[in-house]
Amino acid sequence: MSPAAQRPQPATFHPAPWSRALKAISSLSTLALLVGQVALWRSALPGTISLAPLGLLAGAALFAVRGFAISPEALLIHRLGWTTRLPLAELRSARVQPDAMRRSLRLCGNGGLFAFSGLFRNASLGCYRAWVTDPHRSVVLHFARRTVVVSPADPEAFVQELPLP
């Protein structure tokens, strides 16, 4: 058997279904950007500025969370065009925490156009990175040097699959 065939396959998890807030923000933002795009086309502004709304929409879509996978070495966060890899060597704890993002301030990132992702801060977690589609299905991962929040469709099964110390 080849070494690749002996390696266990990562456990895969779908992202949580979009929350009502994510659906509303994404729908309204998409509508506003499309209306803005039509207005720019009609205004006859020159050059690439007339494509800014479509560019913003396409850029946000690239950052949408498509799923998660847990391998023995890393948590993989699947996006539209790439995968973000978080090594699990420094994972200290993981727990389901439906109110983890409550009263958070977005420091940098996306506040609801296809995902809640980026750098956030609140009183209970401090600064943390988020890759979330439904804040009510949040799993908080505490690493040695950072905190991460994700939202798999089945938070309890996700936590059970993590290699915790």
N, C-alpha and C. Protein backbone atom coordinates (compact mmCIF):
# COMPACT_ATOMS: atom_id res chain seq x y z
N MET A 1 0.83 -1.18 0.00
CA MET A 1 0.00 0.00 0.00
C MET A 1 0.88 1.25 0.00
N SER A 2 0.53 2.23 -0.79
CA SER A 2 1.30 3.46 -0.84
C SER A 2 1.07 4.27 0.43
N PRO A 3 2.02 5.17 0.80
CA PRO A 3 1.83 6.00 2.00
C PRO A 3 0.56 6.85 1.93
N ALA A 4 0.21 7.32 0.74
CA ALA A 4 -1.00 8.14 0.61
C ALA A 4 -2.24 7.30 0.88
N ALA A 5 -2.23 6.04 0.49
CA ALA A 5 -3.39 5.18 0.72
C ALA A 5 -3.54 4.82 2.20
N GLN A 6 -2.44 4.86 2.96
CA GLN A 6 -2.48 4.53 4.38
C GLN A 6 -2.96 5.68 5.24
N ARG A 7 -2.82 6.91 4.76
CA ARG A 7 -3.25 8.08 5.50
C ARG A 7 -4.75 8.11 5.64
N PRO A 8 -5.26 8.38 6.85
CA PRO A 8 -6.71 8.46 6.99
C PRO A 8 -7.26 9.69 6.26
N GLN A 9 -8.45 9.54 5.72
CA GLN A 9 -9.11 10.66 5.05
C GLN A 9 -9.61 11.65 6.09
N PRO A 10 -9.51 12.96 5.81
CA PRO A 10 -10.02 13.93 6.77
C PRO A 10 -11.54 13.77 6.95
N ALA A 11 -12.00 13.99 8.17
CA ALA A 11 -13.44 14.01 8.43
C ALA A 11 -13.98 15.32 7.89
N THR A 12 -15.01 15.26 7.09
CA THR A 12 -15.56 16.48 6.48
C THR A 12 -16.86 16.87 7.16
N PHE A 13 -17.08 18.18 7.22
CA PHE A 13 -18.28 18.74 7.83
C PHE A 13 -18.80 19.86 6.95
N HIS A 14 -20.09 19.86 6.74
CA HIS A 14 -20.71 20.95 6.01
C HIS A 14 -20.76 22.17 6.91
N PRO A 15 -20.74 23.36 6.30
CA PRO A 15 -20.93 24.54 7.13
C PRO A 15 -22.38 24.57 7.61
N ALA A 16 -22.62 25.27 8.69
CA ALA A 16 -23.99 25.42 9.17
C ALA A 16 -24.82 26.10 8.08
N PRO A 17 -26.11 25.77 8.00
CA PRO A 17 -26.96 26.51 7.07
C PRO A 17 -26.91 28.00 7.42
N TRP A 18 -27.09 28.82 6.43
CA TRP A 18 -27.06 30.26 6.66
C TRP A 18 -28.12 30.66 7.67
N SER A 19 -27.74 31.49 8.62
CA SER A 19 -28.68 32.03 9.59
C SER A 19 -29.60 33.05 8.91
N ARG A 20 -30.68 33.40 9.56
CA ARG A 20 -31.58 34.43 9.01
C ARG A 20 -30.84 35.74 8.77
N ALA A 21 -29.99 36.10 9.73
CA ALA A 21 -29.24 37.36 9.59
C ALA A 21 -28.33 37.31 8.37
N LEU A 22 -27.64 36.18 8.16
CA LEU A 22 -26.74 36.07 7.01
C LEU A 22 -27.53 36.11 5.70
N LYS A 23 -28.69 35.44 5.68
CA LYS A 23 -29.53 35.49 4.48
C LYS A 23 -29.99 36.91 4.19
N ALA A 24 -30.44 37.62 5.23
CA ALA A 24 -30.93 38.99 5.05
C ALA A 24 -29.82 39.93 4.60
N ILE A 25 -28.67 39.87 5.28
CA ILE A 25 -27.56 40.76 4.93
C ILE A 25 -27.06 40.47 3.51
N SER A 26 -26.91 39.19 3.19
CA SER A 26 -26.43 38.81 1.86
C SER A 26 -27.41 39.23 0.77
N SER A 27 -28.70 39.00 1.01
CA SER A 27 -29.71 39.36 0.01
C SER A 27 -29.78 40.87 -0.21
N LEU A 28 -29.87 41.62 0.88
CA LEU A 28 -29.97 43.08 0.76
C LEU A 28 -28.70 43.68 0.17
N SER A 29 -27.55 43.18 0.60
CA SER A 29 -26.29 43.70 0.07
C SER A 29 -26.14 43.38 -1.42
N THR A 30 -26.50 42.16 -1.81
CA THR A 30 -26.43 41.78 -3.22
C THR A 30 -27.35 42.67 -4.05
N LEU A 31 -28.56 42.88 -3.57
CA LEU A 31 -29.51 43.75 -4.28
C LEU A 31 -28.96 45.17 -4.40
N ALA A 32 -28.43 45.71 -3.30
CA ALA A 32 -27.88 47.07 -3.32
C ALA A 32 -26.70 47.16 -4.29
N LEU A 33 -25.83 46.16 -4.30
CA LEU A 33 -24.69 46.18 -5.20
C LEU A 33 -25.12 46.07 -6.67
N LEU A 34 -26.12 45.24 -6.94
CA LEU A 34 -26.60 45.12 -8.32
C LEU A 34 -27.30 46.41 -8.78
N VAL A 35 -28.08 47.02 -7.91
CA VAL A 35 -28.71 48.31 -8.25
C VAL A 35 -27.63 49.36 -8.48
N GLY A 36 -26.61 49.36 -7.60
CA GLY A 36 -25.50 50.29 -7.78
C GLY A 36 -24.76 50.05 -9.08
N GLN A 37 -24.63 48.77 -9.45
CA GLN A 37 -23.95 48.44 -10.71
C GLN A 37 -24.72 48.99 -11.90
N VAL A 38 -26.02 48.81 -11.90
CA VAL A 38 -26.86 49.33 -12.99
C VAL A 38 -26.77 50.85 -13.04
N ALA A 39 -26.80 51.50 -11.88
CA ALA A 39 -26.70 52.97 -11.84
C ALA A 39 -25.35 53.44 -12.40
N LEU A 40 -24.29 52.72 -12.08
CA LEU A 40 -22.98 53.11 -12.62
C LEU A 40 -22.91 52.92 -14.13
N TRP A 41 -23.49 51.84 -14.62
CA TRP A 41 -23.49 51.63 -16.07
C TRP A 41 -24.26 52.75 -16.77
N ARG A 42 -25.35 53.19 -16.17
CA ARG A 42 -26.15 54.25 -16.79
C ARG A 42 -25.51 55.62 -16.69
N SER A 43 -24.63 55.80 -15.69
CA SER A 43 -24.01 57.11 -15.50
C SER A 43 -22.85 57.35 -16.44
N ALA A 44 -22.41 56.32 -17.13
CA ALA A 44 -21.32 56.41 -18.11
C ALA A 44 -20.00 56.84 -17.48
N LEU A 45 -19.75 56.39 -16.23
CA LEU A 45 -18.44 56.63 -15.63
C LEU A 45 -17.39 55.82 -16.39
N PRO A 46 -16.24 56.39 -16.64
CA PRO A 46 -15.23 55.68 -17.43
C PRO A 46 -14.48 54.64 -16.59
N GLY A 47 -13.96 53.64 -17.29
CA GLY A 47 -13.01 52.70 -16.72
C GLY A 47 -13.55 51.69 -15.74
N THR A 48 -12.63 51.22 -14.92
CA THR A 48 -12.94 50.11 -14.03
C THR A 48 -13.81 50.49 -12.84
N ILE A 49 -13.91 51.77 -12.52
CA ILE A 49 -14.75 52.14 -11.38
C ILE A 49 -16.20 51.71 -11.60
N SER A 50 -16.60 51.60 -12.84
CA SER A 50 -17.98 51.20 -13.12
C SER A 50 -18.21 49.72 -12.82
N LEU A 51 -17.14 48.95 -12.55
CA LEU A 51 -17.28 47.53 -12.21
C LEU A 51 -17.08 47.26 -10.73
N ALA A 52 -16.93 48.31 -9.93
CA ALA A 52 -16.66 48.14 -8.51
C ALA A 52 -17.72 47.32 -7.78
N PRO A 53 -19.01 47.56 -7.96
CA PRO A 53 -20.00 46.74 -7.25
C PRO A 53 -19.91 45.25 -7.60
N LEU A 54 -19.73 44.93 -8.87
CA LEU A 54 -19.59 43.52 -9.26
C LEU A 54 -18.31 42.92 -8.69
N GLY A 55 -17.26 43.69 -8.67
CA GLY A 55 -16.00 43.22 -8.09
C GLY A 55 -16.12 42.94 -6.60
N LEU A 56 -16.82 43.81 -5.90
CA LEU A 56 -17.05 43.60 -4.47
C LEU A 56 -17.88 42.34 -4.23
N LEU A 57 -18.90 42.16 -5.02
CA LEU A 57 -19.76 40.97 -4.90
C LEU A 57 -18.96 39.69 -5.19
N ALA A 58 -18.18 39.70 -6.25
CA ALA A 58 -17.37 38.53 -6.59
C ALA A 58 -16.30 38.27 -5.53
N GLY A 59 -15.69 39.33 -5.03
CA GLY A 59 -14.67 39.17 -3.99
C GLY A 59 -15.24 38.57 -2.73
N ALA A 60 -16.41 39.02 -2.31
CA ALA A 60 -17.04 38.47 -1.11
C ALA A 60 -17.43 37.01 -1.33
N ALA A 61 -17.88 36.67 -2.52
CA ALA A 61 -18.26 35.28 -2.81
C ALA A 61 -17.05 34.35 -2.69
N LEU A 62 -15.88 34.82 -3.06
CA LEU A 62 -14.67 34.00 -2.94
C LEU A 62 -14.38 33.59 -1.50
N PHE A 63 -14.79 34.43 -0.54
CA PHE A 63 -14.51 34.18 0.87
C PHE A 63 -15.62 33.41 1.58
N ALA A 64 -16.65 32.99 0.87
CA ALA A 64 -17.73 32.22 1.47
C ALA A 64 -17.18 30.90 2.04
N VAL A 65 -17.72 30.49 3.17
CA VAL A 65 -17.30 29.23 3.79
C VAL A 65 -18.06 28.09 3.13
N ARG A 66 -17.33 27.12 2.56
CA ARG A 66 -17.96 26.00 1.86
C ARG A 66 -17.95 24.71 2.66
N GLY A 67 -17.14 24.65 3.71
CA GLY A 67 -17.10 23.45 4.52
C GLY A 67 -15.82 23.38 5.34
N PHE A 68 -15.76 22.34 6.17
CA PHE A 68 -14.62 22.13 7.06
C PHE A 68 -14.17 20.68 6.93
N ALA A 69 -12.91 20.44 7.21
CA ALA A 69 -12.39 19.08 7.28
C ALA A 69 -11.38 19.03 8.42
N ILE A 70 -11.36 17.89 9.11
CA ILE A 70 -10.41 17.71 10.21
C ILE A 70 -9.52 16.53 9.85
N SER A 71 -8.23 16.81 9.69
CA SER A 71 -7.25 15.76 9.48
C SER A 71 -6.50 15.61 10.81
N PRO A 72 -5.67 14.59 10.95
CA PRO A 72 -4.91 14.47 12.20
C PRO A 72 -4.01 15.68 12.49
N GLU A 73 -3.61 16.39 11.45
CA GLU A 73 -2.69 17.51 11.63
C GLU A 73 -3.33 18.89 11.60
N ALA A 74 -4.49 19.04 10.94
CA ALA A 74 -5.00 20.39 10.71
C ALA A 74 -6.51 20.44 10.57
N LEU A 75 -7.04 21.62 10.86
CA LEU A 75 -8.42 21.96 10.53
C LEU A 75 -8.35 22.68 9.19
N LEU A 76 -9.13 22.20 8.23
CA LEU A 76 -9.16 22.80 6.90
C LEU A 76 -10.48 23.54 6.73
N ILE A 77 -10.40 24.80 6.34
CA ILE A 77 -11.59 25.62 6.10
C ILE A 77 -11.65 25.86 4.60
N HIS A 78 -12.64 25.25 3.97
CA HIS A 78 -12.77 25.32 2.51
C HIS A 78 -13.49 26.59 2.12
N ARG A 79 -12.88 27.32 1.20
CA ARG A 79 -13.46 28.53 0.62
C ARG A 79 -13.76 28.22 -0.84
N LEU A 80 -14.22 29.19 -1.60
CA LEU A 80 -14.56 28.96 -2.99
C LEU A 80 -13.33 28.59 -3.83
N GLY A 81 -12.22 29.28 -3.62
CA GLY A 81 -11.05 29.03 -4.46
C GLY A 81 -9.85 28.46 -3.75
N TRP A 82 -9.89 28.29 -2.44
CA TRP A 82 -8.75 27.80 -1.69
C TRP A 82 -9.20 27.23 -0.36
N THR A 83 -8.22 26.70 0.37
CA THR A 83 -8.46 26.13 1.68
C THR A 83 -7.52 26.79 2.68
N THR A 84 -8.08 27.25 3.80
CA THR A 84 -7.28 27.79 4.89
C THR A 84 -6.94 26.64 5.82
N ARG A 85 -5.68 26.52 6.18
CA ARG A 85 -5.20 25.40 7.01
C ARG A 85 -4.78 25.92 8.38
N LEU A 86 -5.38 25.37 9.44
CA LEU A 86 -5.01 25.72 10.81
C LEU A 86 -4.41 24.48 11.48
N PRO A 87 -3.10 24.46 11.74
CA PRO A 87 -2.49 23.30 12.39
C PRO A 87 -3.11 23.05 13.77
N LEU A 88 -3.36 21.79 14.07
CA LEU A 88 -4.01 21.42 15.33
C LEU A 88 -3.02 21.11 16.45
N ALA A 89 -1.72 21.23 16.19
CA ALA A 89 -0.71 20.90 17.21
C ALA A 89 -0.88 21.74 18.47
N GLU A 90 -1.32 22.99 18.33
CA GLU A 90 -1.45 23.87 19.49
C GLU A 90 -2.89 24.03 19.97
N LEU A 91 -3.79 23.16 19.51
CA LEU A 91 -5.18 23.22 19.96
C LEU A 91 -5.26 22.82 21.43
N ARG A 92 -5.85 23.67 22.24
CA ARG A 92 -5.96 23.41 23.68
C ARG A 92 -7.36 22.96 24.09
N SER A 93 -8.39 23.54 23.47
CA SER A 93 -9.76 23.17 23.83
C SER A 93 -10.71 23.54 22.70
N ALA A 94 -11.88 22.90 22.73
CA ALA A 94 -12.93 23.19 21.76
C ALA A 94 -14.26 22.97 22.46
N ARG A 95 -15.19 23.89 22.23
CA ARG A 95 -16.51 23.71 22.83
C ARG A 95 -17.57 24.39 21.98
N VAL A 96 -18.75 23.82 22.02
CA VAL A 96 -19.90 24.41 21.34
C VAL A 96 -20.34 25.58 22.20
N GLN A 97 -20.46 26.75 21.57
CA GLN A 97 -20.84 27.96 22.31
C GLN A 97 -21.73 28.83 21.42
N PRO A 98 -23.05 28.59 21.46
CA PRO A 98 -23.98 29.28 20.56
C PRO A 98 -23.96 30.81 20.67
N ASP A 99 -23.54 31.36 21.79
CA ASP A 99 -23.53 32.82 21.94
C ASP A 99 -22.13 33.42 21.81
N ALA A 100 -21.20 32.68 21.23
CA ALA A 100 -19.80 33.10 21.18
C ALA A 100 -19.61 34.45 20.49
N MET A 101 -20.37 34.74 19.45
CA MET A 101 -20.16 35.98 18.70
C MET A 101 -21.02 37.14 19.18
N ARG A 102 -21.79 36.90 20.22
CA ARG A 102 -22.68 37.95 20.74
C ARG A 102 -21.86 39.18 21.14
N ARG A 103 -22.37 40.33 20.75
CA ARG A 103 -21.77 41.63 21.07
C ARG A 103 -20.33 41.76 20.58
N SER A 104 -20.07 41.19 19.42
CA SER A 104 -18.73 41.27 18.83
C SER A 104 -18.59 42.51 17.97
N LEU A 105 -17.41 43.02 17.95
CA LEU A 105 -17.03 44.14 17.09
C LEU A 105 -16.15 43.58 15.98
N ARG A 106 -16.53 43.83 14.74
CA ARG A 106 -15.71 43.39 13.61
C ARG A 106 -14.54 44.35 13.46
N LEU A 107 -13.34 43.85 13.57
CA LEU A 107 -12.15 44.68 13.43
C LEU A 107 -11.69 44.76 11.98
N CYS A 108 -11.80 43.63 11.28
CA CYS A 108 -11.40 43.56 9.88
C CYS A 108 -12.03 42.31 9.29
N GLY A 109 -12.73 42.46 8.19
CA GLY A 109 -13.32 41.29 7.57
C GLY A 109 -14.71 41.54 7.03
N ASN A 110 -15.45 40.46 6.90
CA ASN A 110 -16.75 40.47 6.26
C ASN A 110 -17.83 40.30 7.32
N GLY A 111 -18.75 41.24 7.37
CA GLY A 111 -19.80 41.22 8.38
C GLY A 111 -21.12 40.66 7.90
N GLY A 112 -21.12 39.82 6.88
CA GLY A 112 -22.36 39.17 6.51
C GLY A 112 -22.66 39.05 5.04
N LEU A 113 -21.74 39.38 4.15
CA LEU A 113 -21.96 39.17 2.73
C LEU A 113 -21.42 37.78 2.38
N PHE A 114 -22.26 36.77 2.48
CA PHE A 114 -21.98 35.35 2.23
C PHE A 114 -21.28 34.64 3.40
N ALA A 115 -20.85 35.36 4.42
CA ALA A 115 -20.25 34.75 5.61
C ALA A 115 -19.95 35.85 6.63
N PHE A 116 -19.75 35.43 7.87
CA PHE A 116 -19.18 36.31 8.89
C PHE A 116 -17.75 35.80 9.05
N SER A 117 -16.81 36.51 8.49
CA SER A 117 -15.43 36.03 8.54
C SER A 117 -14.47 37.19 8.72
N GLY A 118 -13.38 36.90 9.39
CA GLY A 118 -12.37 37.92 9.62
C GLY A 118 -11.98 37.98 11.07
N LEU A 119 -11.49 39.14 11.47
CA LEU A 119 -11.02 39.37 12.84
C LEU A 119 -12.10 40.12 13.61
N PHE A 120 -12.49 39.55 14.76
CA PHE A 120 -13.54 40.12 15.60
C PHE A 120 -13.02 40.24 17.03
N ARG A 121 -13.77 40.95 17.86
CA ARG A 121 -13.43 41.09 19.29
C ARG A 121 -14.71 41.21 20.09
N ASN A 122 -14.74 40.54 21.24
CA ASN A 122 -15.80 40.75 22.22
C ASN A 122 -15.23 40.53 23.62
N ALA A 123 -16.03 40.83 24.65
CA ALA A 123 -15.55 40.76 26.02
C ALA A 123 -15.22 39.34 26.46
N SER A 124 -15.99 38.36 26.00
CA SER A 124 -15.77 37.00 26.49
C SER A 124 -14.61 36.28 25.81
N LEU A 125 -14.36 36.54 24.53
CA LEU A 125 -13.30 35.83 23.80
C LEU A 125 -12.06 36.67 23.56
N GLY A 126 -12.17 37.97 23.66
CA GLY A 126 -11.07 38.83 23.25
C GLY A 126 -11.03 38.87 21.73
N CYS A 127 -9.85 38.98 21.14
CA CYS A 127 -9.72 38.96 19.67
C CYS A 127 -9.80 37.53 19.18
N TYR A 128 -10.52 37.33 18.09
CA TYR A 128 -10.64 35.99 17.51
C TYR A 128 -10.88 36.08 16.02
N ARG A 129 -10.53 34.99 15.32
CA ARG A 129 -10.83 34.84 13.89
C ARG A 129 -12.11 34.05 13.76
N ALA A 130 -12.93 34.40 12.78
CA ALA A 130 -14.20 33.69 12.59
C ALA A 130 -14.37 33.28 11.13
N TRP A 131 -14.95 32.09 10.96
CA TRP A 131 -15.40 31.57 9.68
C TRP A 131 -16.77 30.98 9.95
N VAL A 132 -17.81 31.80 9.87
CA VAL A 132 -19.13 31.44 10.41
C VAL A 132 -20.23 31.73 9.40
N THR A 133 -21.20 30.79 9.32
CA THR A 133 -22.41 31.01 8.53
C THR A 133 -23.64 31.07 9.41
N ASP A 134 -23.58 30.52 10.62
CA ASP A 134 -24.67 30.62 11.60
C ASP A 134 -24.06 30.77 12.98
N PRO A 135 -24.08 31.99 13.53
CA PRO A 135 -23.47 32.22 14.85
C PRO A 135 -24.06 31.34 15.96
N HIS A 136 -25.28 30.88 15.80
CA HIS A 136 -25.90 30.05 16.83
C HIS A 136 -25.38 28.61 16.84
N ARG A 137 -24.55 28.25 15.87
CA ARG A 137 -23.92 26.93 15.82
C ARG A 137 -22.40 27.07 15.96
N SER A 138 -21.99 28.03 16.73
CA SER A 138 -20.55 28.33 16.86
C SER A 138 -19.83 27.29 17.71
N VAL A 139 -18.61 27.00 17.26
CA VAL A 139 -17.66 26.20 18.01
C VAL A 139 -16.45 27.09 18.24
N VAL A 140 -16.05 27.22 19.51
CA VAL A 140 -14.89 28.04 19.86
C VAL A 140 -13.68 27.12 20.04
N LEU A 141 -12.63 27.42 19.30
CA LEU A 141 -11.38 26.66 19.37
C LEU A 141 -10.32 27.55 19.99
N HIS A 142 -9.77 27.10 21.12
CA HIS A 142 -8.70 27.84 21.78
C HIS A 142 -7.38 27.17 21.44
N PHE A 143 -6.52 27.91 20.76
CA PHE A 143 -5.17 27.47 20.44
C PHE A 143 -4.22 28.16 21.41
N ALA A 144 -2.96 27.77 21.41
CA ALA A 144 -1.97 28.36 22.31
C ALA A 144 -1.86 29.87 22.10
N ARG A 145 -1.97 30.32 20.84
CA ARG A 145 -1.75 31.75 20.56
C ARG A 145 -2.93 32.46 19.92
N ARG A 146 -4.05 31.77 19.75
CA ARG A 146 -5.18 32.44 19.12
C ARG A 146 -6.48 31.70 19.43
N THR A 147 -7.57 32.40 19.16
CA THR A 147 -8.91 31.83 19.32
C THR A 147 -9.60 31.90 17.97
N VAL A 148 -10.32 30.83 17.63
CA VAL A 148 -11.00 30.72 16.35
C VAL A 148 -12.44 30.31 16.60
N VAL A 149 -13.37 30.86 15.81
CA VAL A 149 -14.78 30.47 15.87
C VAL A 149 -15.19 29.99 14.48
N VAL A 150 -15.79 28.80 14.43
CA VAL A 150 -16.31 28.22 13.19
C VAL A 150 -17.75 27.77 13.44
N SER A 151 -18.48 27.50 12.37
CA SER A 151 -19.87 27.04 12.53
C SER A 151 -20.18 25.87 11.61
N PRO A 152 -19.83 24.66 12.04
CA PRO A 152 -20.21 23.48 11.26
C PRO A 152 -21.70 23.18 11.43
N ALA A 153 -22.27 22.42 10.51
CA ALA A 153 -23.69 22.08 10.58
C ALA A 153 -24.00 21.25 11.83
N ASP A 154 -23.06 20.40 12.25
CA ASP A 154 -23.25 19.58 13.45
C ASP A 154 -22.11 19.89 14.43
N PRO A 155 -22.29 20.91 15.26
CA PRO A 155 -21.20 21.33 16.15
C PRO A 155 -20.71 20.24 17.10
N GLU A 156 -21.62 19.45 17.67
CA GLU A 156 -21.22 18.41 18.62
C GLU A 156 -20.35 17.35 17.96
N ALA A 157 -20.75 16.89 16.78
CA ALA A 157 -19.94 15.89 16.05
C ALA A 157 -18.59 16.47 15.66
N PHE A 158 -18.56 17.73 15.30
CA PHE A 158 -17.32 18.41 14.95
C PHE A 158 -16.35 18.38 16.12
N VAL A 159 -16.83 18.77 17.31
CA VAL A 159 -15.97 18.80 18.49
C VAL A 159 -15.47 17.40 18.85
N GLN A 160 -16.33 16.40 18.70
CA GLN A 160 -15.95 15.01 19.00
C GLN A 160 -14.83 14.52 18.08
N GLU A 161 -14.78 15.04 16.88
CA GLU A 161 -13.77 14.60 15.90
C GLU A 161 -12.40 15.25 16.13
N LEU A 162 -12.36 16.36 16.84
CA LEU A 162 -11.10 17.08 17.05
C LEU A 162 -10.16 16.30 17.96
N PRO A 163 -8.87 16.26 17.62
CA PRO A 163 -7.88 15.60 18.46
C PRO A 163 -7.46 16.51 19.63
N LEU A 164 -8.21 16.46 20.71
CA LEU A 164 -7.93 17.32 21.86
C LEU A 164 -6.92 16.64 22.80
N PRO A 165 -6.13 17.47 23.50
CA PRO A 165 -5.14 16.90 24.44
C PRO A 165 -5.82 16.23 25.63
